[in-house]
N, C-alpha and C. Protein backbone atom coordinates (compact mmCIF):
# COMPACT_ATOMS: atom_id res chain seq x y z
N UNK A 1 71.55 22.15 147.61
CA UNK A 1 71.78 20.82 147.08
C UNK A 1 73.24 20.72 146.64
N UNK A 2 73.88 19.66 147.07
CA UNK A 2 75.28 19.47 146.72
C UNK A 2 75.41 18.89 145.31
N UNK A 3 76.60 18.97 144.80
CA UNK A 3 76.88 18.44 143.46
C UNK A 3 76.61 16.93 143.41
N UNK A 4 76.96 16.22 144.46
CA UNK A 4 76.76 14.78 144.53
C UNK A 4 75.27 14.42 144.51
N UNK A 5 74.46 15.17 145.28
CA UNK A 5 73.01 14.93 145.30
C UNK A 5 72.40 15.21 143.93
N UNK A 6 72.86 16.27 143.29
CA UNK A 6 72.37 16.63 141.97
C UNK A 6 72.68 15.53 140.95
N UNK A 7 73.89 14.99 141.01
CA UNK A 7 74.27 13.91 140.09
C UNK A 7 73.44 12.65 140.35
N UNK A 8 73.17 12.36 141.63
CA UNK A 8 72.33 11.20 141.97
C UNK A 8 70.92 11.36 141.42
N UNK A 9 70.37 12.57 141.55
CA UNK A 9 69.02 12.81 141.05
C UNK A 9 68.98 12.74 139.52
N UNK A 10 70.01 13.24 138.87
CA UNK A 10 70.08 13.15 137.41
C UNK A 10 70.18 11.69 136.98
N UNK A 11 70.93 10.89 137.70
CA UNK A 11 71.05 9.46 137.39
C UNK A 11 69.71 8.77 137.55
N UNK A 12 68.95 9.13 138.58
CA UNK A 12 67.62 8.55 138.79
C UNK A 12 66.70 8.93 137.64
N UNK A 13 66.73 10.18 137.24
CA UNK A 13 65.88 10.64 136.13
C UNK A 13 66.24 9.91 134.84
N UNK A 14 67.54 9.76 134.59
CA UNK A 14 67.98 9.05 133.38
C UNK A 14 67.52 7.60 133.39
N UNK A 15 67.60 6.95 134.54
CA UNK A 15 67.15 5.55 134.61
C UNK A 15 65.64 5.45 134.42
N UNK A 16 64.89 6.45 134.93
CA UNK A 16 63.44 6.45 134.72
C UNK A 16 63.10 6.63 133.25
N UNK A 17 63.82 7.52 132.57
CA UNK A 17 63.60 7.73 131.13
C UNK A 17 63.92 6.46 130.35
N UNK A 18 65.03 5.81 130.69
CA UNK A 18 65.40 4.57 130.01
C UNK A 18 64.34 3.50 130.24
N UNK A 19 63.80 3.42 131.45
CA UNK A 19 62.76 2.44 131.77
C UNK A 19 61.51 2.71 130.95
N UNK A 20 61.13 3.99 130.85
CA UNK A 20 59.94 4.35 130.06
C UNK A 20 60.14 3.98 128.60
N UNK A 21 61.33 4.23 128.06
CA UNK A 21 61.60 3.88 126.66
C UNK A 21 61.52 2.37 126.45
N UNK A 22 62.05 1.62 127.41
CA UNK A 22 61.99 0.16 127.31
C UNK A 22 60.54 -0.32 127.35
N UNK A 23 59.74 0.29 128.24
CA UNK A 23 58.33 -0.10 128.34
C UNK A 23 57.59 0.24 127.06
N UNK A 24 57.93 1.37 126.44
CA UNK A 24 57.29 1.72 125.18
C UNK A 24 57.62 0.68 124.12
N UNK A 25 58.85 0.22 124.08
CA UNK A 25 59.24 -0.81 123.12
C UNK A 25 58.49 -2.11 123.40
N UNK A 26 58.36 -2.47 124.69
CA UNK A 26 57.63 -3.68 125.04
C UNK A 26 56.16 -3.53 124.68
N UNK A 27 55.61 -2.35 124.92
CA UNK A 27 54.22 -2.11 124.52
C UNK A 27 54.10 -2.19 123.01
N UNK A 28 55.15 -1.78 122.30
CA UNK A 28 55.16 -1.90 120.85
C UNK A 28 55.05 -3.35 120.42
N UNK A 29 55.75 -4.25 121.11
CA UNK A 29 55.67 -5.66 120.74
C UNK A 29 54.29 -6.22 121.07
N UNK A 30 53.66 -5.73 122.13
CA UNK A 30 52.28 -6.16 122.45
C UNK A 30 51.33 -5.69 121.36
N UNK A 31 51.48 -4.43 120.93
CA UNK A 31 50.62 -3.90 119.86
C UNK A 31 50.81 -4.70 118.57
N UNK A 32 52.06 -5.01 118.22
CA UNK A 32 52.32 -5.79 117.01
C UNK A 32 51.66 -7.16 117.12
N UNK A 33 51.79 -7.80 118.28
CA UNK A 33 51.18 -9.11 118.50
C UNK A 33 49.67 -9.05 118.28
N UNK A 34 49.02 -8.07 118.93
CA UNK A 34 47.56 -7.91 118.79
C UNK A 34 47.20 -7.68 117.33
N UNK A 35 47.93 -6.80 116.66
CA UNK A 35 47.62 -6.46 115.27
C UNK A 35 47.78 -7.63 114.32
N UNK A 36 48.89 -8.33 114.40
CA UNK A 36 49.15 -9.43 113.47
C UNK A 36 48.16 -10.57 113.69
N UNK A 37 47.94 -10.94 114.94
CA UNK A 37 47.01 -12.04 115.18
C UNK A 37 45.55 -11.63 114.93
N UNK A 38 45.24 -10.35 115.11
CA UNK A 38 43.91 -9.86 114.75
C UNK A 38 43.69 -9.95 113.24
N UNK A 39 44.70 -9.57 112.48
CA UNK A 39 44.62 -9.66 111.01
C UNK A 39 44.48 -11.12 110.58
N UNK A 40 45.27 -11.99 111.17
CA UNK A 40 45.18 -13.43 110.87
C UNK A 40 43.78 -13.96 111.19
N UNK A 41 43.25 -13.54 112.32
CA UNK A 41 41.90 -13.94 112.76
C UNK A 41 40.87 -13.54 111.71
N UNK A 42 40.91 -12.29 111.28
CA UNK A 42 39.95 -11.79 110.28
C UNK A 42 40.13 -12.52 108.96
N UNK A 43 41.38 -12.75 108.54
CA UNK A 43 41.64 -13.43 107.28
C UNK A 43 41.09 -14.85 107.28
N UNK A 44 41.27 -15.57 108.38
CA UNK A 44 40.77 -16.95 108.47
C UNK A 44 39.24 -16.97 108.43
N UNK A 45 38.60 -16.12 109.23
CA UNK A 45 37.13 -16.10 109.28
C UNK A 45 36.56 -15.68 107.93
N UNK A 46 37.17 -14.67 107.30
CA UNK A 46 36.69 -14.23 105.98
C UNK A 46 36.86 -15.33 104.95
N UNK A 47 37.96 -16.06 105.00
CA UNK A 47 38.19 -17.17 104.07
C UNK A 47 37.13 -18.24 104.26
N UNK A 48 36.81 -18.56 105.49
CA UNK A 48 35.76 -19.56 105.75
C UNK A 48 34.41 -19.09 105.22
N UNK A 49 34.14 -17.79 105.36
CA UNK A 49 32.88 -17.25 104.82
C UNK A 49 32.85 -17.35 103.30
N UNK A 50 33.98 -17.01 102.66
CA UNK A 50 34.07 -17.08 101.19
C UNK A 50 33.86 -18.51 100.71
N UNK A 51 34.46 -19.47 101.42
CA UNK A 51 34.33 -20.87 101.04
C UNK A 51 32.97 -21.45 101.40
N UNK A 52 32.18 -20.71 102.15
CA UNK A 52 30.84 -21.16 102.53
C UNK A 52 30.83 -22.25 103.60
N UNK A 53 31.87 -22.31 104.40
CA UNK A 53 31.96 -23.32 105.46
C UNK A 53 31.47 -22.68 106.77
N UNK A 54 30.19 -22.45 106.86
CA UNK A 54 29.60 -21.74 108.00
C UNK A 54 29.69 -22.52 109.31
N UNK A 55 29.64 -23.85 109.23
CA UNK A 55 29.59 -24.67 110.44
C UNK A 55 30.86 -24.57 111.29
N UNK A 56 31.98 -24.30 110.66
CA UNK A 56 33.24 -24.27 111.41
C UNK A 56 33.66 -22.86 111.83
N UNK A 57 32.88 -21.85 111.47
CA UNK A 57 33.27 -20.48 111.80
C UNK A 57 33.30 -20.25 113.31
N UNK A 58 32.24 -20.61 114.01
CA UNK A 58 32.19 -20.38 115.46
C UNK A 58 33.26 -21.17 116.20
N UNK A 59 33.42 -22.49 115.93
CA UNK A 59 34.51 -23.19 116.62
C UNK A 59 35.89 -22.62 116.30
N UNK A 60 36.08 -22.17 115.05
CA UNK A 60 37.36 -21.57 114.67
C UNK A 60 37.58 -20.27 115.43
N UNK A 61 36.53 -19.46 115.53
CA UNK A 61 36.64 -18.20 116.27
C UNK A 61 37.01 -18.46 117.73
N UNK A 62 36.35 -19.43 118.34
CA UNK A 62 36.62 -19.75 119.74
C UNK A 62 38.06 -20.26 119.89
N UNK A 63 38.46 -21.18 119.02
CA UNK A 63 39.81 -21.73 119.09
C UNK A 63 40.89 -20.67 118.90
N UNK A 64 40.70 -19.81 117.90
CA UNK A 64 41.68 -18.76 117.65
C UNK A 64 41.72 -17.76 118.81
N UNK A 65 40.56 -17.46 119.39
CA UNK A 65 40.52 -16.54 120.53
C UNK A 65 41.30 -17.11 121.70
N UNK A 66 41.14 -18.40 121.95
CA UNK A 66 41.88 -19.05 123.04
C UNK A 66 43.39 -19.02 122.75
N UNK A 67 43.77 -19.33 121.51
CA UNK A 67 45.19 -19.30 121.15
C UNK A 67 45.80 -17.90 121.28
N UNK A 68 45.06 -16.88 120.85
CA UNK A 68 45.53 -15.50 120.97
C UNK A 68 45.68 -15.13 122.44
N UNK A 69 44.71 -15.52 123.26
CA UNK A 69 44.78 -15.22 124.70
C UNK A 69 46.00 -15.88 125.34
N UNK A 70 46.23 -17.14 124.99
CA UNK A 70 47.40 -17.85 125.53
C UNK A 70 48.69 -17.17 125.07
N UNK A 71 48.76 -16.83 123.80
CA UNK A 71 49.95 -16.15 123.27
C UNK A 71 50.18 -14.81 123.96
N UNK A 72 49.11 -14.06 124.18
CA UNK A 72 49.23 -12.75 124.83
C UNK A 72 49.72 -12.91 126.27
N UNK A 73 49.19 -13.88 126.97
CA UNK A 73 49.62 -14.14 128.34
C UNK A 73 51.10 -14.51 128.36
N UNK A 74 51.53 -15.32 127.40
CA UNK A 74 52.94 -15.72 127.33
C UNK A 74 53.85 -14.52 127.05
N UNK A 75 53.44 -13.63 126.13
CA UNK A 75 54.23 -12.45 125.80
C UNK A 75 54.36 -11.54 127.02
N UNK A 76 53.26 -11.30 127.70
CA UNK A 76 53.28 -10.43 128.88
C UNK A 76 54.10 -11.07 130.00
N UNK A 77 53.92 -12.37 130.20
CA UNK A 77 54.68 -13.07 131.24
C UNK A 77 56.18 -13.01 130.95
N UNK A 78 56.55 -13.20 129.68
CA UNK A 78 57.96 -13.13 129.30
C UNK A 78 58.54 -11.74 129.57
N UNK A 79 57.77 -10.70 129.26
CA UNK A 79 58.23 -9.34 129.50
C UNK A 79 58.36 -9.05 130.99
N UNK A 80 57.41 -9.55 131.77
CA UNK A 80 57.46 -9.32 133.21
C UNK A 80 58.65 -10.02 133.85
N UNK A 81 59.04 -11.17 133.31
CA UNK A 81 60.22 -11.87 133.82
C UNK A 81 61.48 -11.04 133.61
N UNK A 82 61.54 -10.31 132.50
CA UNK A 82 62.72 -9.51 132.19
C UNK A 82 62.77 -8.23 133.02
N UNK A 83 61.63 -7.78 133.51
CA UNK A 83 61.59 -6.53 134.27
C UNK A 83 61.88 -6.80 135.74
N UNK A 84 62.64 -5.92 136.34
CA UNK A 84 62.85 -6.00 137.77
C UNK A 84 61.72 -5.27 138.50
N UNK A 85 61.31 -4.16 137.91
CA UNK A 85 60.23 -3.36 138.48
C UNK A 85 59.23 -3.06 137.38
N UNK A 86 57.95 -3.24 137.68
CA UNK A 86 56.90 -2.95 136.71
C UNK A 86 56.33 -1.58 137.03
N UNK A 87 56.26 -0.72 136.03
CA UNK A 87 55.79 0.64 136.28
C UNK A 87 54.27 0.68 136.43
N UNK A 88 53.85 1.69 137.13
CA UNK A 88 52.42 1.89 137.38
C UNK A 88 51.68 2.15 136.07
N UNK A 89 52.28 2.96 135.21
CA UNK A 89 51.63 3.31 133.94
C UNK A 89 51.39 2.07 133.08
N UNK A 90 52.40 1.23 132.96
CA UNK A 90 52.25 0.01 132.16
C UNK A 90 51.20 -0.91 132.77
N UNK A 91 51.21 -1.03 134.09
CA UNK A 91 50.22 -1.87 134.78
C UNK A 91 48.80 -1.38 134.50
N UNK A 92 48.61 -0.08 134.60
CA UNK A 92 47.28 0.50 134.36
C UNK A 92 46.84 0.25 132.92
N UNK A 93 47.75 0.45 131.96
CA UNK A 93 47.37 0.28 130.56
C UNK A 93 47.04 -1.18 130.25
N UNK A 94 47.79 -2.12 130.82
CA UNK A 94 47.47 -3.53 130.61
C UNK A 94 46.11 -3.90 131.22
N UNK A 95 45.83 -3.35 132.39
CA UNK A 95 44.52 -3.59 133.01
C UNK A 95 43.42 -3.00 132.14
N UNK A 96 43.68 -1.82 131.57
CA UNK A 96 42.69 -1.19 130.69
C UNK A 96 42.45 -2.04 129.44
N UNK A 97 43.52 -2.58 128.86
CA UNK A 97 43.36 -3.45 127.68
C UNK A 97 42.50 -4.67 128.03
N UNK A 98 42.78 -5.28 129.18
CA UNK A 98 41.99 -6.44 129.62
C UNK A 98 40.54 -6.02 129.86
N UNK A 99 40.35 -4.84 130.48
CA UNK A 99 39.00 -4.36 130.77
C UNK A 99 38.21 -4.12 129.49
N UNK A 100 38.88 -3.77 128.39
CA UNK A 100 38.19 -3.61 127.11
C UNK A 100 38.03 -4.94 126.38
N UNK A 101 38.93 -5.88 126.63
CA UNK A 101 38.88 -7.18 125.97
C UNK A 101 37.71 -8.02 126.46
N UNK A 102 37.42 -7.95 127.76
CA UNK A 102 36.31 -8.74 128.32
C UNK A 102 34.98 -8.37 127.64
N UNK A 103 34.61 -7.05 127.58
CA UNK A 103 33.37 -6.73 126.86
C UNK A 103 33.42 -7.11 125.39
N UNK A 104 34.61 -7.03 124.78
CA UNK A 104 34.74 -7.42 123.37
C UNK A 104 34.40 -8.89 123.19
N UNK A 105 34.87 -9.74 124.10
CA UNK A 105 34.55 -11.16 124.04
C UNK A 105 33.05 -11.40 124.24
N UNK A 106 32.46 -10.68 125.17
CA UNK A 106 31.02 -10.81 125.40
C UNK A 106 30.25 -10.39 124.16
N UNK A 107 30.67 -9.27 123.54
CA UNK A 107 29.99 -8.77 122.35
C UNK A 107 30.23 -9.65 121.13
N UNK A 108 31.36 -10.37 121.12
CA UNK A 108 31.67 -11.23 119.99
C UNK A 108 30.96 -12.57 120.07
N UNK A 109 30.87 -13.14 121.26
CA UNK A 109 30.34 -14.49 121.38
C UNK A 109 28.95 -14.57 122.02
N UNK A 110 28.76 -13.96 123.15
CA UNK A 110 27.51 -14.15 123.88
C UNK A 110 26.32 -13.52 123.18
N UNK A 111 26.38 -12.23 122.91
CA UNK A 111 25.21 -11.53 122.39
C UNK A 111 24.79 -11.96 120.98
N UNK A 112 25.73 -12.07 120.02
CA UNK A 112 25.27 -12.47 118.68
C UNK A 112 24.75 -13.91 118.63
N UNK A 113 25.37 -14.78 119.41
CA UNK A 113 24.98 -16.19 119.32
C UNK A 113 23.84 -16.56 120.26
N UNK A 114 23.34 -15.57 121.01
CA UNK A 114 22.11 -15.77 121.78
C UNK A 114 20.98 -14.94 121.18
N UNK A 115 21.24 -14.36 120.00
CA UNK A 115 20.19 -13.67 119.25
C UNK A 115 19.94 -12.23 119.67
N UNK A 116 20.79 -11.63 120.48
CA UNK A 116 20.58 -10.24 120.89
C UNK A 116 20.75 -9.31 119.68
N UNK A 117 21.77 -9.56 118.88
CA UNK A 117 21.96 -8.81 117.65
C UNK A 117 22.69 -9.70 116.64
N UNK A 118 22.69 -9.25 115.39
CA UNK A 118 23.28 -10.04 114.30
C UNK A 118 24.80 -10.06 114.43
N UNK A 119 25.44 -11.21 114.09
CA UNK A 119 26.90 -11.31 114.17
C UNK A 119 27.64 -10.29 113.30
N UNK A 120 26.98 -9.75 112.27
CA UNK A 120 27.67 -8.79 111.41
C UNK A 120 27.88 -7.43 112.09
N UNK A 121 27.33 -7.26 113.29
CA UNK A 121 27.58 -6.03 114.04
C UNK A 121 28.84 -6.11 114.92
N UNK A 122 29.39 -7.30 115.06
CA UNK A 122 30.56 -7.49 115.91
C UNK A 122 31.73 -6.59 115.47
N UNK A 123 32.04 -6.50 114.16
CA UNK A 123 33.16 -5.61 113.77
C UNK A 123 32.94 -4.15 114.16
N UNK A 124 31.69 -3.70 114.18
CA UNK A 124 31.40 -2.32 114.57
C UNK A 124 31.84 -2.10 116.01
N UNK A 125 31.40 -2.98 116.90
CA UNK A 125 31.73 -2.84 118.32
C UNK A 125 33.23 -3.05 118.56
N UNK A 126 33.82 -3.98 117.82
CA UNK A 126 35.26 -4.22 117.96
C UNK A 126 36.05 -2.98 117.56
N UNK A 127 35.68 -2.36 116.44
CA UNK A 127 36.38 -1.15 115.99
C UNK A 127 36.25 -0.03 117.01
N UNK A 128 35.07 0.12 117.59
CA UNK A 128 34.88 1.18 118.59
C UNK A 128 35.72 0.93 119.84
N UNK A 129 35.79 -0.33 120.27
CA UNK A 129 36.63 -0.65 121.44
C UNK A 129 38.12 -0.50 121.11
N UNK A 130 38.51 -0.92 119.91
CA UNK A 130 39.91 -0.73 119.51
C UNK A 130 40.26 0.76 119.54
N UNK A 131 39.34 1.60 119.05
CA UNK A 131 39.57 3.04 119.08
C UNK A 131 39.80 3.55 120.49
N UNK A 132 39.02 3.04 121.43
CA UNK A 132 39.16 3.44 122.83
C UNK A 132 40.51 3.00 123.39
N UNK A 133 40.91 1.77 123.10
CA UNK A 133 42.20 1.25 123.56
C UNK A 133 43.34 2.10 122.99
N UNK A 134 43.27 2.40 121.71
CA UNK A 134 44.35 3.14 121.05
C UNK A 134 44.41 4.59 121.52
N UNK A 135 43.27 5.24 121.59
CA UNK A 135 43.23 6.64 122.01
C UNK A 135 43.77 6.78 123.43
N UNK A 136 43.38 5.87 124.30
CA UNK A 136 43.87 5.89 125.68
C UNK A 136 45.36 5.61 125.74
N UNK A 137 45.84 4.69 124.90
CA UNK A 137 47.28 4.40 124.84
C UNK A 137 48.07 5.63 124.42
N UNK A 138 47.50 6.43 123.53
CA UNK A 138 48.15 7.67 123.13
C UNK A 138 48.34 8.61 124.30
N UNK A 139 47.33 8.65 125.18
CA UNK A 139 47.44 9.50 126.37
C UNK A 139 48.45 8.93 127.37
N UNK A 140 48.41 7.62 127.57
CA UNK A 140 49.30 6.99 128.55
C UNK A 140 50.75 7.16 128.15
N UNK A 141 51.07 6.91 126.89
CA UNK A 141 52.46 6.95 126.43
C UNK A 141 52.84 8.27 125.75
N UNK A 142 51.90 9.22 125.75
CA UNK A 142 52.14 10.52 125.10
C UNK A 142 52.64 10.32 123.67
N UNK A 143 51.88 9.53 122.94
CA UNK A 143 52.24 9.15 121.57
C UNK A 143 51.07 9.52 120.67
N UNK A 144 51.19 10.66 119.97
CA UNK A 144 50.08 11.22 119.19
C UNK A 144 49.57 10.27 118.12
N UNK A 145 50.46 9.44 117.56
CA UNK A 145 50.03 8.52 116.50
C UNK A 145 48.90 7.62 117.01
N UNK A 146 48.97 7.20 118.27
CA UNK A 146 47.91 6.35 118.82
C UNK A 146 46.60 7.10 118.95
N UNK A 147 46.67 8.41 119.25
CA UNK A 147 45.43 9.20 119.28
C UNK A 147 44.75 9.16 117.91
N UNK A 148 45.54 9.41 116.88
CA UNK A 148 44.98 9.43 115.52
C UNK A 148 44.53 8.03 115.09
N UNK A 149 45.24 7.01 115.53
CA UNK A 149 44.82 5.64 115.23
C UNK A 149 43.48 5.33 115.89
N UNK A 150 43.30 5.84 117.10
CA UNK A 150 42.02 5.66 117.79
C UNK A 150 40.88 6.33 117.03
N UNK A 151 41.13 7.55 116.57
CA UNK A 151 40.12 8.27 115.78
C UNK A 151 39.83 7.51 114.48
N UNK A 152 40.87 6.99 113.85
CA UNK A 152 40.72 6.19 112.62
C UNK A 152 39.86 4.95 112.89
N UNK A 153 40.10 4.29 114.03
CA UNK A 153 39.31 3.10 114.38
C UNK A 153 37.86 3.47 114.63
N UNK A 154 37.62 4.59 115.32
CA UNK A 154 36.23 5.03 115.55
C UNK A 154 35.54 5.34 114.23
N UNK A 155 36.26 5.99 113.31
CA UNK A 155 35.68 6.30 111.99
C UNK A 155 35.36 5.00 111.26
N UNK A 156 36.28 4.02 111.34
CA UNK A 156 36.02 2.72 110.72
C UNK A 156 34.79 2.06 111.32
N UNK A 157 34.63 2.16 112.64
CA UNK A 157 33.44 1.60 113.30
C UNK A 157 32.16 2.25 112.83
N UNK A 158 32.25 3.53 112.45
CA UNK A 158 31.06 4.24 111.94
C UNK A 158 30.78 3.89 110.48
N UNK A 159 31.81 3.51 109.73
CA UNK A 159 31.65 3.19 108.31
C UNK A 159 31.21 1.74 108.11
N UNK A 160 31.70 0.83 108.93
CA UNK A 160 31.44 -0.60 108.76
C UNK A 160 29.96 -0.95 108.58
N UNK A 161 29.03 -0.37 109.35
CA UNK A 161 27.62 -0.76 109.17
C UNK A 161 27.07 -0.49 107.76
N UNK A 162 27.70 0.43 107.07
CA UNK A 162 27.22 0.81 105.74
C UNK A 162 27.94 0.07 104.61
N UNK A 163 28.88 -0.77 104.97
CA UNK A 163 29.64 -1.53 103.98
C UNK A 163 29.15 -2.97 104.00
N UNK A 164 28.96 -3.54 102.84
CA UNK A 164 28.48 -4.92 102.77
C UNK A 164 29.55 -5.83 102.20
N UNK A 165 29.42 -7.09 102.49
CA UNK A 165 30.36 -8.07 101.96
C UNK A 165 31.67 -8.05 102.71
N UNK A 166 32.74 -8.30 101.96
CA UNK A 166 34.05 -8.47 102.57
C UNK A 166 34.77 -7.15 102.82
N UNK A 167 34.13 -6.05 102.45
CA UNK A 167 34.69 -4.74 102.73
C UNK A 167 34.85 -4.50 104.22
N UNK A 168 33.99 -5.13 105.02
CA UNK A 168 34.08 -5.00 106.49
C UNK A 168 35.41 -5.56 106.98
N UNK A 169 35.78 -6.71 106.45
CA UNK A 169 37.05 -7.33 106.84
C UNK A 169 38.24 -6.46 106.44
N UNK A 170 38.14 -5.85 105.26
CA UNK A 170 39.23 -4.98 104.80
C UNK A 170 39.36 -3.78 105.72
N UNK A 171 38.23 -3.19 106.12
CA UNK A 171 38.28 -2.05 107.04
C UNK A 171 38.90 -2.46 108.37
N UNK A 172 38.51 -3.63 108.89
CA UNK A 172 39.08 -4.09 110.16
C UNK A 172 40.58 -4.34 110.04
N UNK A 173 41.00 -4.90 108.91
CA UNK A 173 42.44 -5.12 108.70
C UNK A 173 43.18 -3.79 108.66
N UNK A 174 42.61 -2.79 108.00
CA UNK A 174 43.23 -1.46 107.96
C UNK A 174 43.31 -0.85 109.37
N UNK A 175 42.26 -1.04 110.17
CA UNK A 175 42.27 -0.54 111.55
C UNK A 175 43.38 -1.21 112.34
N UNK A 176 43.51 -2.53 112.19
CA UNK A 176 44.55 -3.26 112.93
C UNK A 176 45.96 -2.88 112.47
N UNK A 177 46.12 -2.72 111.16
CA UNK A 177 47.44 -2.29 110.64
C UNK A 177 47.79 -0.90 111.15
N UNK A 178 46.87 0.03 110.97
CA UNK A 178 47.13 1.42 111.33
C UNK A 178 47.19 1.62 112.84
N UNK A 179 46.39 0.86 113.58
CA UNK A 179 46.30 1.10 115.01
C UNK A 179 47.21 0.27 115.88
N UNK A 180 47.62 -0.90 115.39
CA UNK A 180 48.41 -1.78 116.23
C UNK A 180 49.78 -2.09 115.63
N UNK A 181 49.80 -2.58 114.39
CA UNK A 181 51.08 -3.01 113.80
C UNK A 181 52.02 -1.83 113.57
N UNK A 182 51.54 -0.79 112.88
CA UNK A 182 52.41 0.35 112.56
C UNK A 182 52.89 1.07 113.82
N UNK A 183 51.99 1.45 114.76
CA UNK A 183 52.51 2.11 115.96
C UNK A 183 53.41 1.21 116.79
N UNK A 184 53.12 -0.09 116.81
CA UNK A 184 53.98 -1.03 117.52
C UNK A 184 55.38 -1.02 116.94
N UNK A 185 55.46 -0.99 115.60
CA UNK A 185 56.77 -0.95 114.94
C UNK A 185 57.47 0.37 115.22
N UNK A 186 56.71 1.47 115.20
CA UNK A 186 57.31 2.79 115.46
C UNK A 186 57.88 2.83 116.88
N UNK A 187 57.11 2.35 117.86
CA UNK A 187 57.58 2.35 119.24
C UNK A 187 58.84 1.50 119.40
N UNK A 188 58.84 0.34 118.78
CA UNK A 188 59.99 -0.55 118.87
C UNK A 188 61.22 0.07 118.22
N UNK A 189 61.05 0.65 117.04
CA UNK A 189 62.18 1.28 116.32
C UNK A 189 62.70 2.49 117.10
N UNK A 190 61.79 3.29 117.66
CA UNK A 190 62.21 4.46 118.44
C UNK A 190 63.08 4.03 119.61
N UNK A 191 62.66 2.96 120.28
CA UNK A 191 63.43 2.49 121.43
C UNK A 191 64.82 1.98 120.99
N UNK A 192 64.84 1.21 119.91
CA UNK A 192 66.12 0.65 119.45
C UNK A 192 67.06 1.73 118.96
N UNK A 193 66.52 2.78 118.34
CA UNK A 193 67.36 3.86 117.82
C UNK A 193 67.94 4.72 118.94
N UNK A 194 67.29 4.73 120.09
CA UNK A 194 67.80 5.54 121.19
C UNK A 194 68.73 4.71 122.04
């Protein structure tokens, strides 16, 4: 191998590393988006429950879910516009997030409101799915904090059934903070510092 070929290969490797760092930062912004809007979602629904306004909870949940979905699509679309090439790893992880989101929507709206199970079980299933998304993200991006966040979410999903009242909302907020907002900020800061 000539010196020129070696330098070309090193340049390719450096550009791949830079691309991966940029994708991690973009994934960080996606995690922050999911976490903040998830916390807002829980806060609004919990407030409606505290105020005893049961009639507007379902329409509010549906409306907020639609708004979050639109916002998420806009964030991803904006990021894709900035990218010249989309990596396979990022594509797979986004597909995985969508694949987990579809069952979450079914478990949140279809099953509880058709009487399959009580609506108070929704946070249990959501926490378990969040754990799966986070744990898998740790493997995809080789980011140990996401592994531990996934385990934390699974533990929260196991605790929620035994907690009554608004403690469930607090546990879900802690899961979202620990699993989405904090790692999203860490990924973004790591990218900016490099």
